[in-house]
Structure formats: C-alpha cells, structure tokens
C-alpha atoms as a PDB file:
ATOM      1  CA  VAL A   1       0.093  -0.017   0.026  1.00  0.00           C
ATOM      2  CA  SER A   2       1.373   3.553  -1.063  1.00  0.00           C
ATOM      3  CA  TYR A   3       0.363   6.937  -1.085  1.00  0.00           C
ATOM      4  CA  SER A   4       2.290   9.719  -3.197  1.00  0.00           C
ATOM      5  CA  LYS A   5       1.894  13.440  -3.042  1.00  0.00           C
ATOM      6  CA  THR A   6       3.625  15.975  -5.256  1.00  0.00           C
ATOM      7  CA  PHE A   7       4.096  19.627  -3.890  1.00  0.00           C
ATOM      8  CA  GLU A   8       4.300  21.978  -6.832  1.00  0.00           C
ATOM      9  CA  GLY A   9       6.516  25.069  -6.816  1.00  0.00           C
ATOM     10  CA  GLU A  10      10.112  25.830  -6.854  1.00  0.00           C
ATOM     11  CA  PRO A  11      11.643  23.439  -5.852  1.00  0.00           C
ATOM     12  CA  GLN A  12       9.182  20.794  -6.285  1.00  0.00           C
ATOM     13  CA  VAL A  13       8.791  18.112  -3.348  1.00  0.00           C
ATOM     14  CA  ASN A  14       7.778  14.731  -3.782  1.00  0.00           C
ATOM     15  CA  VAL A  15       6.672  12.515  -0.887  1.00  0.00           C
ATOM     16  CA  THR A  16       5.756   8.769  -0.952  1.00  0.00           C
ATOM     17  CA  VAL A  17       4.547   6.757   2.083  1.00  0.00           C
ATOM     18  CA  ALA A  18       4.275   3.150   1.830  1.00  0.00           C
ATOM     19  CA  GLY A  19       3.620  -0.296   3.883  1.00  0.00           C
ATOM     20  CA  THR A  20       4.441  -3.869   2.846  1.00  0.00           C
ATOM     21  CA  HIS A  21       3.523  -7.092   4.351  1.00  0.00           C
ATOM     22  CA  SER A  22       4.508 -10.576   3.346  1.00  0.00           C
ATOM     23  CA  GLN A  23       3.638 -13.773   5.219  1.00  0.00           C
ATOM     24  CA  ASN A  24       4.533 -17.484   4.707  1.00  0.00           C
ATOM     25  CA  THR A  25       1.887 -19.888   6.148  1.00  0.00           C
ATOM     26  CA  ASN A  26       4.397 -22.845   6.119  1.00  0.00           C
ATOM     27  CA  THR A  27       7.359 -21.315   8.134  1.00  0.00           C
ATOM     28  CA  GLN A  28       5.107 -18.683   9.995  1.00  0.00           C
ATOM     29  CA  GLN A  29       7.625 -16.048   9.121  1.00  0.00           C
ATOM     30  CA  ILE A  30       6.364 -12.403   8.769  1.00  0.00           C
ATOM     31  CA  ASN A  31       8.210  -9.650   7.032  1.00  0.00           C
ATOM     32  CA  MET A  32       6.717  -5.919   7.420  1.00  0.00           C
ATOM     33  CA  SER A  33       8.090  -2.814   6.421  1.00  0.00           C
ATOM     34  CA  LEU A  34       5.809  -0.093   8.008  1.00  0.00           C
ATOM     35  CA  PRO A  35       6.086   2.883   7.330  1.00  0.00           C
ATOM     36  CA  ASN A  36       8.298   3.540   4.526  1.00  0.00           C
ATOM     37  CA  VAL A  37       8.856   7.069   3.642  1.00  0.00           C
ATOM     38  CA  THR A  38      11.018   8.682   0.946  1.00  0.00           C
ATOM     39  CA  ALA A  39      10.907  12.237  -0.094  1.00  0.00           C
ATOM     40  CA  SER A  40      13.006  14.362  -2.604  1.00  0.00           C
ATOM     41  CA  VAL A  41      13.446  17.901  -3.444  1.00  0.00           C
ATOM     42  CA  SER A  42      13.998  18.787  -6.995  1.00  0.00           C
ATOM     43  CA  ARG A  43      17.188  20.283  -8.425  1.00  0.00           C
ATOM     44  CA  ILE A  44      18.083  24.011  -6.950  1.00  0.00           C
ATOM     45  CA  TYR A  45      20.443  26.433  -8.525  1.00  0.00           C
ATOM     46  CA  PRO A  46      20.930  28.924  -5.561  1.00  0.00           C
ATOM     47  CA  PHE A  47      23.368  31.301  -7.572  1.00  0.00           C
ATOM     48  CA  ALA A  48      21.688  31.060 -11.213  1.00  0.00           C
ATOM     49  CA  PRO A  49      20.287  34.606 -12.406  1.00  0.00           C
ATOM     50  CA  LYS A  50      16.467  34.938 -12.392  1.00  0.00           C
ATOM     51  CA  ILE A  51      16.689  35.669 -16.162  1.00  0.00           C
ATOM     52  CA  GLY A  52      19.132  34.473 -18.754  1.00  0.00           C
ATOM     53  CA  ALA A  53      21.480  31.461 -19.147  1.00  0.00           C
ATOM     54  CA  LYS A  54      23.694  30.180 -16.398  1.00  0.00           C
ATOM     55  CA  LYS A  55      27.422  30.981 -16.807  1.00  0.00           C
ATOM     56  CA  GLY A  56      30.363  29.945 -14.933  1.00  0.00           C
ATOM     57  CA  ALA A  57      30.909  27.301 -12.024  1.00  0.00           C
ATOM     58  CA  LEU A  58      29.246  29.419  -9.361  1.00  0.00           C
ATOM     59  CA  GLN A  59      25.977  29.985 -11.398  1.00  0.00           C
ATOM     60  CA  ASN A  60      25.927  26.292 -12.270  1.00  0.00           C
ATOM     61  CA  ILE A  61      26.148  25.063  -8.619  1.00  0.00           C
ATOM     62  CA  ASN A  62      23.350  22.831  -7.893  1.00  0.00           C
ATOM     63  CA  PHE A  63      22.052  20.628  -5.339  1.00  0.00           C
ATOM     64  CA  GLN A  64      19.228  18.026  -4.575  1.00  0.00           C
ATOM     65  CA  TYR A  65      17.946  16.629  -1.275  1.00  0.00           C
ATOM     66  CA  ASP A  66      16.521  13.017  -0.839  1.00  0.00           C
ATOM     67  CA  VAL A  67      15.595  11.140   2.314  1.00  0.00           C
ATOM     68  CA  ARG A  68      14.501   7.684   2.842  1.00  0.00           C
ATOM     69  CA  ALA A  69      13.361   6.089   6.148  1.00  0.00           C
ATOM     70  CA  GLU A  70      12.218   2.863   7.080  1.00  0.00           C
ATOM     71  CA  ASN A  71      10.828   0.555   9.778  1.00  0.00           C
ATOM     72  CA  ARG A  72      11.514  -3.041   8.871  1.00  0.00           C
ATOM     73  CA  ILE A  73      10.253  -5.626  11.167  1.00  0.00           C
ATOM     74  CA  GLN A  74      10.630  -9.683  11.058  1.00  0.00           C
ATOM     75  CA  THR A  75       8.544 -11.874  13.167  1.00  0.00           C
ATOM     76  CA  THR A  76       6.537 -14.907  13.453  1.00  0.00           C
ATOM     77  CA  ASP A  77       2.873 -15.687  13.758  1.00  0.00           C
ATOM     78  CA  SER A  78       2.851 -16.218  17.336  1.00  0.00           C
ATOM     79  CA  LEU A  79       4.577 -12.822  18.200  1.00  0.00           C
ATOM     80  CA  PHE A  80       2.412 -10.883  15.609  1.00  0.00           C
ATOM     81  CA  PHE A  81       0.875  -7.663  17.354  1.00  0.00           C
ATOM     82  CA  THR A  82       2.596  -8.492  20.612  1.00  0.00           C
ATOM     83  CA  PRO A  83       5.320  -5.847  22.044  1.00  0.00           C
ATOM     84  CA  GLU A  84       8.151  -8.625  21.354  1.00  0.00           C
ATOM     85  CA  MET A  85       7.647  -8.395  17.414  1.00  0.00           C
ATOM     86  CA  PHE A  86       9.410  -4.932  17.684  1.00  0.00           C
ATOM     87  CA  ASP A  87      12.405  -6.388  19.675  1.00  0.00           C
ATOM     88  CA  ASP A  88      14.329  -6.879  16.471  1.00  0.00           C
ATOM     89  CA  ALA A  89      13.010  -4.014  14.424  1.00  0.00           C
ATOM     90  CA  GLN A  90      15.565  -2.244  12.233  1.00  0.00           C
ATOM     91  CA  ILE A  91      14.535   1.544  12.134  1.00  0.00           C
ATOM     92  CA  GLY A  92      16.681   4.089  10.139  1.00  0.00           C
ATOM     93  CA  ALA A  93      16.783   7.000   7.922  1.00  0.00           C
ATOM     94  CA  GLN A  94      19.164   8.077   5.227  1.00  0.00           C
ATOM     95  CA  HIS A  95      19.678  11.558   4.018  1.00  0.00           C
ATOM     96  CA  THR A  96      21.486  12.416   0.551  1.00  0.00           C
ATOM     97  CA  ILE A  97      22.584  15.633  -0.804  1.00  0.00           C
ATOM     98  CA  PRO A  98      24.568  15.591  -4.058  1.00  0.00           C
ATOM     99  CA  ILE A  99      26.078  18.881  -5.105  1.00  0.00           C
ATOM    100  CA  SER A 100      27.450  19.464  -8.625  1.00  0.00           C
ATOM    101  CA  THR A 101      28.577  22.096 -10.983  1.00  0.00           C
ATOM    102  CA  ASN A 102      29.821  22.578 -14.561  1.00  0.00           C
ATOM    103  CA  PHE A 103      31.704  25.164 -16.465  1.00  0.00           C
ATOM    104  CA  LYS A 104      33.859  25.763 -19.739  1.00  0.00           C
ATOM    105  CA  ILE A 105      37.366  26.114 -19.934  1.00  0.00           C
ATOM    106  CA  LEU A 106      39.077  28.049 -22.718  1.00  0.00           C
ATOM    107  CA  ASP A 107      35.492  27.885 -24.633  1.00  0.00           C
ATOM    108  CA  TYR A 108      36.183  24.294 -25.652  1.00  0.00           C
ATOM    109  CA  ILE A 109      36.710  22.058 -22.726  1.00  0.00           C
ATOM    110  CA  SER A 110      33.702  20.956 -20.462  1.00  0.00           C
ATOM    111  CA  ALA A 111      34.558  20.757 -16.804  1.00  0.00           C
ATOM    112  CA  SER A 112      32.426  19.213 -14.124  1.00  0.00           C
ATOM    113  CA  ALA A 113      32.761  18.671 -10.271  1.00  0.00           C
ATOM    114  CA  SER A 114      30.754  17.041  -7.990  1.00  0.00           C
ATOM    115  CA  THR A 115      30.265  15.700  -4.259  1.00  0.00           C
ATOM    116  CA  GLN A 116      27.556  13.754  -2.263  1.00  0.00           C
ATOM    117  CA  PHE A 117      27.183  14.036   1.325  1.00  0.00           C
ATOM    118  CA  GLN A 118      25.205  11.382   3.148  1.00  0.00           C
ATOM    119  CA  GLU A 119      23.959  11.062   6.813  1.00  0.00           C
ATOM    120  CA  THR A 120      22.558   8.075   8.150  1.00  0.00           C
ATOM    121  CA  TRP A 121      20.510   7.743  11.333  1.00  0.00           C
ATOM    122  CA  VAL A 122      20.007   4.407  13.391  1.00  0.00           C
ATOM    123  CA  LEU A 123      18.036   3.637  16.578  1.00  0.00           C
ATOM    124  CA  LYS A 124      20.162   0.822  17.769  1.00  0.00           C
ATOM    125  CA  THR A 125      23.991  -0.268  17.167  1.00  0.00           C
ATOM    126  CA  ILE A 126      26.020  -3.102  18.349  1.00  0.00           C
ATOM    127  CA  ARG A 127      29.047  -3.655  20.475  1.00  0.00           C
ATOM    128  CA  ARG A 128      31.249  -6.802  20.440  1.00  0.00           C
ATOM    129  CA  ARG A 129      33.722  -8.057  22.912  1.00  0.00           C
ATOM    130  CA  PHE A 130      35.507 -11.249  23.682  1.00  0.00           C
ATOM    131  CA  ASP A 131      34.448 -13.049  26.981  1.00  0.00           C
ATOM    132  CA  GLN A 132      37.021 -15.226  28.506  1.00  0.00           C
ATOM    133  CA  THR A 133      34.632 -16.782  30.959  1.00  0.00           C
ATOM    134  CA  ILE A 134      32.235 -18.562  28.538  1.00  0.00           C
ATOM    135  CA  ASP A 135      32.531 -22.149  27.071  1.00  0.00           C
ATOM    136  CA  ASN A 136      34.423 -23.353  30.177  1.00  0.00           C
ATOM    137  CA  GLY A 137      37.149 -20.650  29.742  1.00  0.00           C
ATOM    138  CA  ALA A 138      37.679 -21.023  25.973  1.00  0.00           C
ATOM    139  CA  GLY A 139      35.980 -17.688  25.535  1.00  0.00           C
ATOM    140  CA  ALA A 140      33.711 -16.507  22.807  1.00  0.00           C
ATOM    141  CA  VAL A 141      32.682 -13.394  20.994  1.00  0.00           C
ATOM    142  CA  VAL A 142      29.595 -11.638  22.612  1.00  0.00           C
ATOM    143  CA  GLN A 143      27.536  -9.026  20.691  1.00  0.00           C
ATOM    144  CA  ASP A 144      25.481  -6.659  22.517  1.00  0.00           C
ATOM    145  CA  THR A 145      22.425  -4.492  21.149  1.00  0.00           C
ATOM    146  CA  ILE A 146      22.978  -0.697  22.175  1.00  0.00           C
ATOM    147  CA  PRO A 147      19.709   1.044  21.984  1.00  0.00           C
ATOM    148  CA  GLY A 148      19.628   4.684  21.244  1.00  0.00           C
ATOM    149  CA  PHE A 149      19.813   7.159  18.392  1.00  0.00           C
ATOM    150  CA  ASP A 150      23.323   7.114  16.542  1.00  0.00           C
ATOM    151  CA  SER A 151      24.708   8.453  13.172  1.00  0.00           C
ATOM    152  CA  TYR A 152      27.660   8.619  10.766  1.00  0.00           C
ATOM    153  CA  ARG A 153      28.281  10.881   7.741  1.00  0.00           C
ATOM    154  CA  THR A 154      30.029  10.003   4.488  1.00  0.00           C
ATOM    155  CA  TYR A 155      31.097  11.892   1.560  1.00  0.00           C
ATOM    156  CA  ASN A 156      33.031  11.711  -1.726  1.00  0.00           C
ATOM    157  CA  PHE A 157      34.363  13.659  -4.494  1.00  0.00           C
ATOM    158  CA  SER A 158      34.678  13.536  -8.283  1.00  0.00           C
ATOM    159  CA  THR A 159      35.771  15.939 -11.354  1.00  0.00           C
ATOM    160  CA  GLY A 160      35.856  15.360 -14.996  1.00  0.00           C
ATOM    161  CA  LEU A 161      37.339  17.201 -17.981  1.00  0.00           C
ATOM    162  CA  GLY A 162      35.890  16.407 -21.797  1.00  0.00           C
ATOM    163  CA  THR A 163      35.481  17.984 -25.274  1.00  0.00           C
ATOM    164  CA  THR A 164      34.464  17.094 -28.623  1.00  0.00           C
ATOM    165  CA  ILE A 165      36.374  17.267 -31.612  1.00  0.00           C
ATOM    166  CA  TYR A 166      34.553  17.136 -34.968  1.00  0.00           C
ATOM    167  CA  GLY A 167      35.985  15.990 -38.386  1.00  0.00           C
ATOM    168  CA  LEU A 168      34.256  16.464 -41.619  1.00  0.00           C
ATOM    169  CA  PHE A 169      35.295  14.958 -44.989  1.00  0.00           C
ATOM    170  CA  PRO A 170      33.172  16.040 -47.974  1.00  0.00           C
ATOM    171  CA  PHE A 171      33.225  13.996 -51.202  1.00  0.00           C
ATOM    172  CA  GLY A 172      30.548  15.949 -53.251  1.00  0.00           C
ATOM    173  CA  ASN A 173      26.756  15.587 -53.661  1.00  0.00           C
ATOM    174  CA  ASP A 174      27.276  13.584 -56.993  1.00  0.00           C
ATOM    175  CA  LYS A 175      28.961  10.699 -55.063  1.00  0.00           C
ATOM    176  CA  LYS A 176      26.999   7.591 -53.538  1.00  0.00           C
ATOM    177  CA  ILE A 177      29.008   8.563 -50.145  1.00  0.00           C
ATOM    178  CA  GLN A 178      28.684  12.488 -50.072  1.00  0.00           C
ATOM    179  CA  ALA A 179      30.425  12.895 -46.758  1.00  0.00           C
ATOM    180  CA  LEU A 180      31.998  11.305 -43.736  1.00  0.00           C
ATOM    181  CA  ARG A 181      31.826  12.792 -40.318  1.00  0.00           C
ATOM    182  CA  HIS A 182      34.316  11.627 -37.297  1.00  0.00           C
ATOM    183  CA  VAL A 183      33.290  12.789 -33.698  1.00  0.00           C
ATOM    184  CA  ILE A 184      35.814  12.179 -30.891  1.00  0.00           C
ATOM    185  CA  ARG A 185      34.954  12.716 -27.205  1.00  0.00           C
ATOM    186  CA  PRO A 186      38.126  12.150 -24.964  1.00  0.00           C
ATOM    187  CA  ASN A 187      37.057  12.298 -21.296  1.00  0.00           C
ATOM    188  CA  ILE A 188      39.215  12.092 -18.036  1.00  0.00           C
ATOM    189  CA  SER A 189      37.848  11.679 -14.724  1.00  0.00           C
ATOM    190  CA  TYR A 190      39.101  11.578 -11.059  1.00  0.00           C
ATOM    191  CA  ASN A 191      37.071  10.247  -7.824  1.00  0.00           C
ATOM    192  CA  ILE A 192      38.076  10.175  -4.378  1.00  0.00           C
ATOM    193  CA  ASN A 193      36.268   7.947  -1.798  1.00  0.00           C
ATOM    194  CA  PRO A 194      37.490   8.582   1.724  1.00  0.00           C
ATOM    195  CA  GLY A 195      37.622   5.846   4.452  1.00  0.00           C
ATOM    196  CA  PHE A 196      35.670   6.242   7.601  1.00  0.00           C
ATOM    197  CA  ASP A 197      37.829   4.491  10.188  1.00  0.00           C
ATOM    198  CA  GLN A 198      36.426   6.706  12.797  1.00  0.00           C
ATOM    199  CA  PHE A 199      33.161   4.770  12.863  1.00  0.00           C
ATOM    200  CA  TYR A 200      35.102   1.425  13.449  1.00  0.00           C
ATOM    201  CA  ASP A 201      36.177  -0.257  16.828  1.00  0.00           C
ATOM    202  CA  SER A 202      37.926  -3.313  17.804  1.00  0.00           C
ATOM    203  CA  TYR A 203      38.372  -6.127  20.298  1.00  0.00           C
ATOM    204  CA  GLU A 204      41.155  -8.602  21.025  1.00  0.00           C
ATOM    205  CA  VAL A 205      40.929 -12.395  20.568  1.00  0.00           C
ATOM    206  CA  PRO A 206      43.458 -13.979  22.765  1.00  0.00           C
ATOM    207  CA  ILE A 207      45.797 -16.698  21.048  1.00  0.00           C
ATOM    208  CA  VAL A 208      47.106 -19.447  23.226  1.00  0.00           C
ATOM    209  CA  SER A 209      50.729 -20.146  22.235  1.00  0.00           C
ATOM    210  CA  ALA A 210      54.020 -21.101  23.673  1.00  0.00           C
ATOM    211  CA  ASP A 211      55.541 -18.510  21.348  1.00  0.00           C
ATOM    212  CA  PRO A 212      55.777 -15.080  23.521  1.00  0.00           C
ATOM    213  CA  ASP A 213      56.235 -13.110  20.291  1.00  0.00           C
ATOM    214  CA  ILE A 214      52.607 -14.194  19.141  1.00  0.00           C
ATOM    215  CA  GLN A 215      50.148 -11.217  20.073  1.00  0.00           C
ATOM    216  CA  ASN A 216      46.512 -11.489  20.468  1.00  0.00           C
ATOM    217  CA  GLU A 217      44.338 -10.936  17.507  1.00  0.00           C
ATOM    218  CA  VAL A 218      42.823  -7.637  16.793  1.00  0.00           C
ATOM    219  CA  VAL A 219      39.276  -7.763  14.958  1.00  0.00           C
ATOM    220  CA  GLN A 220      37.866  -4.539  13.504  1.00  0.00           C
ATOM    221  CA  TYR A 221      34.346  -4.051  13.354  1.00  0.00           C
ATOM    222  CA  SER A 222      31.637  -1.157  13.072  1.00  0.00           C
ATOM    223  CA  ARG A 223      28.976  -0.497  15.525  1.00  0.00           C
ATOM    224  CA  PHE A 224      26.652   0.007  12.586  1.00  0.00           C
ATOM    225  CA  GLU A 225      27.059  -3.589  10.986  1.00  0.00           C
ATOM    226  CA  ASN A 226      23.844  -5.461  10.535  1.00  0.00           C
ATOM    227  CA  THR A 227      21.665  -2.014  10.652  1.00  0.00           C
ATOM    228  CA  LEU A 228      19.165  -0.996   7.974  1.00  0.00           C
ATOM    229  CA  PHE A 229      21.746   0.681   5.850  1.00  0.00           C
ATOM    230  CA  GLY A 230      24.830  -1.106   6.808  1.00  0.00           C
ATOM    231  CA  ALA A 231      28.260   0.272   7.969  1.00  0.00           C
ATOM    232  CA  PRO A 232      30.244   2.952   5.940  1.00  0.00           C
ATOM    233  CA  GLY A 233      33.343   1.874   4.177  1.00  0.00           C
ATOM    234  CA  ARG A 234      36.750   2.156   5.726  1.00  0.00           C
ATOM    235  CA  THR A 235      38.816   1.719   2.706  1.00  0.00           C
ATOM    236  CA  TYR A 236      40.217   4.959   1.039  1.00  0.00           C
ATOM    237  CA  SER A 237      40.125   4.886  -2.653  1.00  0.00           C
ATOM    238  CA  SER A 238      41.345   7.259  -5.372  1.00  0.00           C
ATOM    239  CA  ASN A 239      41.087   6.642  -9.030  1.00  0.00           C
ATOM    240  CA  ILE A 240      41.631   8.065 -12.377  1.00  0.00           C
ATOM    241  CA  GLY A 241      39.765   7.143 -15.428  1.00  0.00           C
ATOM    242  CA  PHE A 242      40.158   7.861 -19.150  1.00  0.00           C
ATOM    243  CA  SER A 243      37.578   7.290 -22.048  1.00  0.00           C
ATOM    244  CA  LEU A 244      37.630   7.981 -25.661  1.00  0.00           C
ATOM    245  CA  SER A 245      34.677   7.459 -27.912  1.00  0.00           C
ATOM    246  CA  ASN A 246      34.778   7.462 -31.729  1.00  0.00           C
ATOM    247  CA  THR A 247      31.486   7.974 -33.730  1.00  0.00           C
ATOM    248  CA  LEU A 248      31.811   7.769 -37.546  1.00  0.00           C
ATOM    249  CA  GLU A 249      28.817   8.844 -39.835  1.00  0.00           C
ATOM    250  CA  ALA A 250      28.268   8.703 -43.283  1.00  0.00           C
ATOM    251  CA  LYS A 251      25.872  11.088 -45.494  1.00  0.00           C
ATOM    252  CA  VAL A 252      24.751   8.326 -48.059  1.00  0.00           C
ATOM    253  CA  ARG A 253      22.736   9.271 -51.264  1.00  0.00           C
ATOM    254  CA  ASP A 254      19.255   7.395 -51.268  1.00  0.00           C
ATOM    255  CA  ARG A 255      18.913   4.614 -53.939  1.00  0.00           C
ATOM    256  CA  ASP A 256      15.574   6.020 -54.865  1.00  0.00           C
ATOM    257  CA  THR A 257      16.451   8.631 -57.194  1.00  0.00           C
ATOM    258  CA  THR A 258      13.149  10.676 -56.627  1.00  0.00           C
ATOM    259  CA  VAL A 259      14.276  11.393 -52.991  1.00  0.00           C
ATOM    260  CA  THR A 260      16.344  14.496 -52.856  1.00  0.00           C
ATOM    261  CA  GLU A 261      17.785  14.230 -49.452  1.00  0.00           C
ATOM    262  CA  ALA A 262      20.738  12.215 -48.551  1.00  0.00           C
ATOM    263  CA  LYS A 263      20.569   9.566 -45.678  1.00  0.00           C
END
C-alpha cells in the first residue's frame, strides 16, 4: 500500500508513504515494512540568475535533497501484534545531498565537479567483545545490542574534463557517399572515496601459544554493522579514468532517385 503526493512549486517536493507485508504460512515468518517514507526535493540552483542562461561554475552550482526512512520488522505468527515483535525491528533514515557544477575552460573544454554528502540515522547499534569466561574458559565473542540514536556521515568527490572534436570529410553531392563525419569525445575523470575509520572499533581475541612473540588477534568491526543501511566503508580509494569515444557517420545518397535528401 502506498500514497504519493507532489507539492508543486520551486523547488518541487515529492513524498511517498508506503507499507508492505509478506507472510509465509508454512514457516510462520512475517516480514513487514511500515512505514516507508521517501521524499525528494528537485534540483536547486541557488546562485543562478533569475533571467538568462547560467554561466560559470558559481551560477551552475546545484544540489538536491533525498531522504529515505524505513521501519523493517521480522517476526513470527505467534509474536504478531505483541510488544516482542518490535524487539528486532530495524529503524533508520538516510539523507542524501548531491552537489555539482559544470563550466567551460577556454571555451572548448567542459569541466564538471561533484560531491555527495550522506547522513545515516539509526536507533540501535551493536558492541562486540571477547568474553573469556564463556565455554569453560575457552571464551567467545559476545555481541550486545545498544539502543539509542546514533548516526554517521560519509562523502565523496569526483571531477571530470571532456571535449568534442569534429572532423568533416565531404566527397561531393554526386557521389554515393557524399560525406563522412568523425566525432571524437575524449574524457578524463578523477574520483575520491575517503575511508571512515572513525566509525570502527576493535576487540582482541587471545591466542594461546608458547611463543611469546605471538600477540592477540585484533578484530575490527563497525557498530553500524547489521543496521538497516549497513556500515560506512573504511577503505580509502582514489582513481583516475580515461575514455575515448569515436562516432563515424556517413551521408549517403538514397537509392530512390526521386528522393532529394541524403540519408
């Protein structure tokens, strides 16, 4: 079941509220998602002139806003409509704001730059620890659920340069192939995805060994694991890309002599 509403204006706002329910009578498993809320605000150019075309990097700066919130429940027939059905509910919201701009360099090179900011909210996280007293002293990893509001923020950057080169080779209107056009589009891009180590913790697992140089195993984990939107990435990546597209077109005289326009 879903309901959508559009609020006209500048900017335009779209809101959708939905609920889903699926139930397996063999396994008695129930999956619900209620409510689901998504909203988006259309593209905004805060520095664009009220009249005329946008020029330069500043006037072409634009951003949007999207939010997605969900309450996801997994339960069974026997716990349906009881307080226990909410014990393992996954509740969260994710806000996304992409910002971008584009401009010309020396009139022939198109440049673009963009970044995306994302903030994620959750109402429960986890904490892991190694408990040496469990399993007759062998120890085991214990995971605790920590209720309460928590959040994390991520962002990335990207930029690109590109241009278009045209080559025209005419052969004459009396030829079967009257002309060839070659279009070349080179492009170079650069992207940065930071690592978010600040949202990761660790615990030590003892290693029994007669060698004193062997140290305990350190295990990294994020308290946002197993949440609705997962944990942020902790690996930094930086990459550069090249692309070159070629388009070859022919202007060909039609076989039908009554047709005056070439294909």
